[in-house]
């Protein structure tokens, strides 16, 4: 059987040595050969899976949701780092911004376009109220990392940021801010297989992965409903006349009471 390509985006914060040990362990358990390939941006995965349906990937949960929604891949297992606990996506505003009804016209600081907690999930959340984030904020910028978003808030460059719950202490220590809403818990990353990977091979990989025990990674079964948070928000946004609309402060205030 030919080797299977495992794509691992830079957003998966594991070292090359750790990935090498994971691949070696899975190969030993399954008898399969995996070719490890690093990928700069997880956002490229849907395009790659359309061209190469016989690959597998470590994917951020929102990207895995997109792959499944496009019928390009299925989840084999969940993956995460031990001891990190459940995370939420949190919108944080400077003093004077008391809730979601006060967001209109302010300067927004996202983490990056490939951040689940710092971009994808909070945007979906706002869209689920029928609000277009691009029309809601006075300006938007990408800070590049959760630490950089906290720094931009502290320096007064932005009025609101999206970050994850484990980064909140850093934000609170640097600026007079308040948490406006917490969204989650965020589903953990998954390993997903393209639809071109034979079912028997998918089963071997899923069993090999979930039976692997390593100190630096937690691997669990791909349980049904793992990605439902994204689907629920997406369905609710689509159900509001089939599209999102520009912000109306009174409507938004009523929606979040």
Protein backbone atom coordinates (compact mmCIF):
# COMPACT_ATOMS: atom_id res chain seq x y z
CA UNK A 1 0.00 0.00 0.00
CA UNK A 2 1.33 3.43 -0.91
CA UNK A 3 2.24 5.88 1.89
CA UNK A 4 -0.47 8.20 3.22
CA UNK A 5 0.27 11.90 3.52
CA UNK A 6 -0.41 13.45 6.93
CA UNK A 7 -0.74 17.24 6.68
CA UNK A 8 0.00 19.13 9.89
CA UNK A 9 -0.62 22.92 9.81
CA UNK A 10 1.52 25.34 11.78
CA UNK A 11 -1.44 25.99 14.11
CA UNK A 12 -0.87 22.53 15.64
CA UNK A 13 1.59 23.52 18.35
CA UNK A 14 3.67 20.36 18.54
CA UNK A 15 7.38 20.07 17.83
CA UNK A 16 8.85 18.10 14.92
CA UNK A 17 10.21 15.54 17.40
CA UNK A 18 6.75 15.05 18.91
CA UNK A 19 5.18 14.65 15.47
CA UNK A 20 7.87 12.17 14.52
CA UNK A 21 7.16 10.09 17.62
CA UNK A 22 3.41 10.20 16.94
CA UNK A 23 3.87 9.08 13.32
CA UNK A 24 6.27 6.30 14.32
CA UNK A 25 3.85 5.00 16.98
CA UNK A 26 0.83 5.04 14.64
CA UNK A 27 2.82 3.32 11.88
CA UNK A 28 3.87 0.59 14.31
CA UNK A 29 0.29 0.05 15.46
CA UNK A 30 -1.32 0.08 12.00
CA UNK A 31 1.31 -1.27 9.62
CA UNK A 32 0.72 1.77 7.42
CA UNK A 33 3.35 4.25 6.21
CA UNK A 34 2.73 7.95 6.82
CA UNK A 35 4.51 10.80 5.05
CA UNK A 36 4.53 13.87 7.29
CA UNK A 37 4.08 17.24 5.55
CA UNK A 38 3.98 20.59 7.34
CA UNK A 39 1.49 23.20 6.09
CA UNK A 40 1.74 26.93 6.71
CA UNK A 41 -1.99 27.70 6.79
CA UNK A 42 -4.85 25.46 7.87
CA UNK A 43 -7.17 27.57 5.70
CA UNK A 44 -5.62 25.87 2.64
CA UNK A 45 -6.92 22.44 3.67
CA UNK A 46 -10.30 22.52 1.85
CA UNK A 47 -8.56 23.39 -1.43
CA UNK A 48 -5.96 20.65 -0.87
CA UNK A 49 -8.61 18.03 -0.04
CA UNK A 50 -10.56 18.92 -3.19
CA UNK A 51 -7.43 18.16 -5.27
CA UNK A 52 -6.07 15.30 -3.14
CA UNK A 53 -8.88 13.38 -1.42
CA UNK A 54 -6.54 10.57 -0.29
CA UNK A 55 -4.68 12.52 2.41
CA UNK A 56 -5.25 12.93 6.15
CA UNK A 57 -4.71 15.99 8.32
CA UNK A 58 -4.47 17.33 11.82
CA UNK A 59 -7.07 20.12 11.58
CA UNK A 60 -8.32 22.90 13.85
CA UNK A 61 -11.91 22.11 14.80
CA UNK A 62 -13.50 24.84 12.66
CA UNK A 63 -11.53 23.74 9.57
CA UNK A 64 -12.58 20.14 10.28
CA UNK A 65 -16.19 21.36 10.40
CA UNK A 66 -15.74 23.02 6.99
CA UNK A 67 -14.17 19.86 5.52
CA UNK A 68 -17.06 17.72 6.77
CA UNK A 69 -19.66 20.27 5.63
CA UNK A 70 -18.12 20.21 2.13
CA UNK A 71 -18.12 16.37 2.23
CA UNK A 72 -14.36 16.34 1.75
CA UNK A 73 -13.32 14.47 4.90
CA UNK A 74 -14.46 12.59 7.99
CA UNK A 75 -13.07 12.87 11.52
CA UNK A 76 -11.00 9.94 12.81
CA UNK A 77 -10.25 11.18 16.33
CA UNK A 78 -9.84 14.26 18.51
CA UNK A 79 -6.38 15.56 19.45
CA UNK A 80 -5.17 18.04 22.05
CA UNK A 81 -2.42 18.88 24.50
CA UNK A 82 -2.68 17.38 28.02
CA UNK A 83 -3.61 19.63 30.91
CA UNK A 84 -4.90 22.54 28.81
CA UNK A 85 -8.54 21.96 29.70
CA UNK A 86 -11.55 23.24 27.80
CA UNK A 87 -11.17 26.63 26.15
CA UNK A 88 -13.77 29.20 25.22
CA UNK A 89 -13.64 32.07 22.75
CA UNK A 90 -14.02 35.38 24.59
CA UNK A 91 -14.81 38.87 23.31
CA UNK A 92 -13.09 41.45 25.52
CA UNK A 93 -13.87 45.17 25.47
CA UNK A 94 -12.25 48.24 26.97
CA UNK A 95 -13.87 50.07 29.86
CA UNK A 96 -17.09 51.75 28.76
CA UNK A 97 -18.15 48.88 26.50
CA UNK A 98 -20.67 47.03 28.64
CA UNK A 99 -22.02 44.36 26.28
CA UNK A 100 -22.62 43.24 22.72
CA UNK A 101 -25.10 46.04 22.16
CA UNK A 102 -22.20 48.54 22.47
CA UNK A 103 -19.93 47.06 19.79
CA UNK A 104 -21.08 49.08 16.78
CA UNK A 105 -18.50 51.48 15.37
CA UNK A 106 -15.60 50.37 17.59
CA UNK A 107 -12.15 49.14 16.52
CA UNK A 108 -11.90 45.34 16.45
CA UNK A 109 -8.71 43.33 16.91
CA UNK A 110 -8.86 39.75 15.61
CA UNK A 111 -6.02 37.28 16.11
CA UNK A 112 -5.77 35.94 12.53
CA UNK A 113 -7.93 34.48 9.79
CA UNK A 114 -6.81 30.98 10.83
CA UNK A 115 -7.68 31.33 14.54
CA UNK A 116 -10.75 29.41 15.73
CA UNK A 117 -11.07 31.25 19.04
CA UNK A 118 -9.71 34.57 17.79
CA UNK A 119 -11.73 34.86 14.57
CA UNK A 120 -13.92 32.03 13.23
CA UNK A 121 -16.04 31.27 16.29
CA UNK A 122 -16.73 34.85 17.48
CA UNK A 123 -17.68 35.89 13.94
CA UNK A 124 -20.07 32.94 13.69
CA UNK A 125 -21.53 33.93 17.05
CA UNK A 126 -22.24 37.50 15.90
CA UNK A 127 -23.66 36.26 12.59
CA UNK A 128 -26.04 34.00 14.52
CA UNK A 129 -27.75 37.20 15.75
CA UNK A 130 -28.18 38.41 12.17
CA UNK A 131 -25.26 40.82 12.44
CA UNK A 132 -22.63 41.31 9.75
CA UNK A 133 -19.28 41.77 11.58
CA UNK A 134 -17.82 43.61 8.59
CA UNK A 135 -20.56 46.24 8.90
CA UNK A 136 -20.64 46.23 12.71
CA UNK A 137 -17.16 47.51 13.52
CA UNK A 138 -15.67 50.86 12.66
CA UNK A 139 -12.39 49.13 11.73
CA UNK A 140 -10.83 45.68 11.91
CA UNK A 141 -7.23 44.52 12.10
CA UNK A 142 -5.39 41.21 12.45
CA UNK A 143 -2.91 41.24 15.30
CA UNK A 144 -1.17 37.95 14.45
CA UNK A 145 -1.30 36.19 17.83
CA UNK A 146 -3.25 36.18 21.09
CA UNK A 147 -0.32 37.95 22.81
CA UNK A 148 -0.26 40.63 20.11
CA UNK A 149 -4.02 41.13 20.44
CA UNK A 150 -3.59 41.68 24.19
CA UNK A 151 -0.78 44.18 23.47
CA UNK A 152 -2.94 46.06 20.96
CA UNK A 153 -5.70 46.33 23.56
CA UNK A 154 -3.24 47.53 26.23
CA UNK A 155 -1.77 50.19 23.93
CA UNK A 156 -5.20 51.52 22.94
CA UNK A 157 -4.89 50.52 19.28
CA UNK A 158 -8.16 48.55 19.41
CA UNK A 159 -11.29 48.69 21.55
CA UNK A 160 -12.30 45.01 21.38
CA UNK A 161 -10.39 41.77 20.89
CA UNK A 162 -11.29 38.13 20.46
CA UNK A 163 -9.09 35.69 22.35
CA UNK A 164 -9.31 32.39 24.19
CA UNK A 165 -10.14 31.91 27.84
CA UNK A 166 -6.64 30.75 28.78
CA UNK A 167 -5.18 34.06 27.57
CA UNK A 168 -7.56 36.25 29.59
CA UNK A 169 -5.23 36.75 32.55
CA UNK A 170 -2.62 38.32 30.26
CA UNK A 171 -5.26 40.72 28.93
CA UNK A 172 -6.65 41.67 32.36
CA UNK A 173 -3.15 42.33 33.72
CA UNK A 174 -2.36 44.79 30.94
CA UNK A 175 -5.52 46.88 30.46
CA UNK A 176 -8.77 47.93 32.19
CA UNK A 177 -11.10 45.64 30.25
CA UNK A 178 -14.09 43.39 30.76
CA UNK A 179 -15.19 40.10 29.25
CA UNK A 180 -18.29 40.70 27.13
CA UNK A 181 -19.23 37.15 26.16
CA UNK A 182 -17.74 33.67 26.41
CA UNK A 183 -18.51 31.23 23.58
CA UNK A 184 -17.77 27.56 23.97
CA UNK A 185 -16.28 25.33 25.07
CA UNK A 186 -14.45 25.18 21.76
CA UNK A 187 -14.23 21.69 20.23
CA UNK A 188 -10.71 20.26 20.22
CA UNK A 189 -8.68 19.67 17.04
CA UNK A 190 -9.27 16.51 15.04
CA UNK A 191 -7.43 14.18 12.71
CA UNK A 192 -9.55 13.90 9.56
CA UNK A 193 -9.26 11.61 6.54
CA UNK A 194 -10.18 12.58 2.99
CA UNK A 195 -13.03 10.77 1.28
CA UNK A 196 -10.49 9.11 -1.03
CA UNK A 197 -8.92 7.18 1.86
CA UNK A 198 -10.41 3.65 1.76
CA UNK A 199 -12.81 2.83 4.60
CA UNK A 200 -10.65 -0.06 5.82
CA UNK A 201 -7.64 2.24 6.03
CA UNK A 202 -9.66 4.90 7.87
CA UNK A 203 -10.70 2.27 10.41
CA UNK A 204 -7.10 1.13 10.92
CA UNK A 205 -5.94 4.71 11.37
CA UNK A 206 -8.75 5.56 13.79
CA UNK A 207 -7.98 2.47 15.90
CA UNK A 208 -4.24 3.09 15.76
CA UNK A 209 -4.61 6.71 16.79
CA UNK A 210 -7.10 6.22 19.62
CA UNK A 211 -5.04 3.36 21.07
CA UNK A 212 -1.87 5.50 21.09
CA UNK A 213 -0.69 6.72 24.49
CA UNK A 214 1.90 9.50 24.50
CA UNK A 215 2.71 12.03 27.23
CA UNK A 216 2.47 15.09 25.01
CA UNK A 217 -0.89 14.48 23.33
CA UNK A 218 -4.41 13.47 24.26
CA UNK A 219 -6.25 11.44 21.62
CA UNK A 220 -9.92 10.56 21.88
CA UNK A 221 -12.59 8.94 19.76
CA UNK A 222 -14.37 11.11 17.17
CA UNK A 223 -17.69 11.16 18.97
CA UNK A 224 -20.88 12.22 17.24
CA UNK A 225 -21.73 15.88 17.78
CA UNK A 226 -18.15 16.98 18.48
CA UNK A 227 -18.41 19.86 15.97
CA UNK A 228 -22.07 20.70 16.60
CA UNK A 229 -21.33 24.14 18.08
CA UNK A 230 -20.23 25.44 14.67
CA UNK A 231 -23.16 23.82 12.90
CA UNK A 232 -25.67 25.26 15.36
CA UNK A 233 -24.36 28.80 14.93
CA UNK A 234 -24.13 28.41 11.15
CA UNK A 235 -27.69 27.10 10.88
CA UNK A 236 -29.05 29.88 13.06
CA UNK A 237 -27.26 32.55 11.01
CA UNK A 238 -28.56 31.05 7.76
CA UNK A 239 -32.08 30.87 9.19
CA UNK A 240 -32.28 34.63 9.61
CA UNK A 241 -33.74 35.39 6.18
CA UNK A 242 -30.93 33.34 4.64
CA UNK A 243 -28.31 36.05 5.16
CA UNK A 244 -26.74 38.34 7.70
CA UNK A 245 -27.72 41.99 7.93
CA UNK A 246 -26.04 45.25 8.94
CA UNK A 247 -26.12 45.97 12.67
CA UNK A 248 -29.06 47.69 14.29
CA UNK A 249 -28.10 48.48 17.91
CA UNK A 250 -31.64 48.19 19.26
CA UNK A 251 -32.17 44.85 17.53
CA UNK A 252 -28.82 43.55 18.80
CA UNK A 253 -29.58 44.71 22.33
CA UNK A 254 -32.91 42.87 22.26
CA UNK A 255 -31.27 39.74 20.88
CA UNK A 256 -28.75 39.41 23.69
CA UNK A 257 -31.04 40.11 26.67
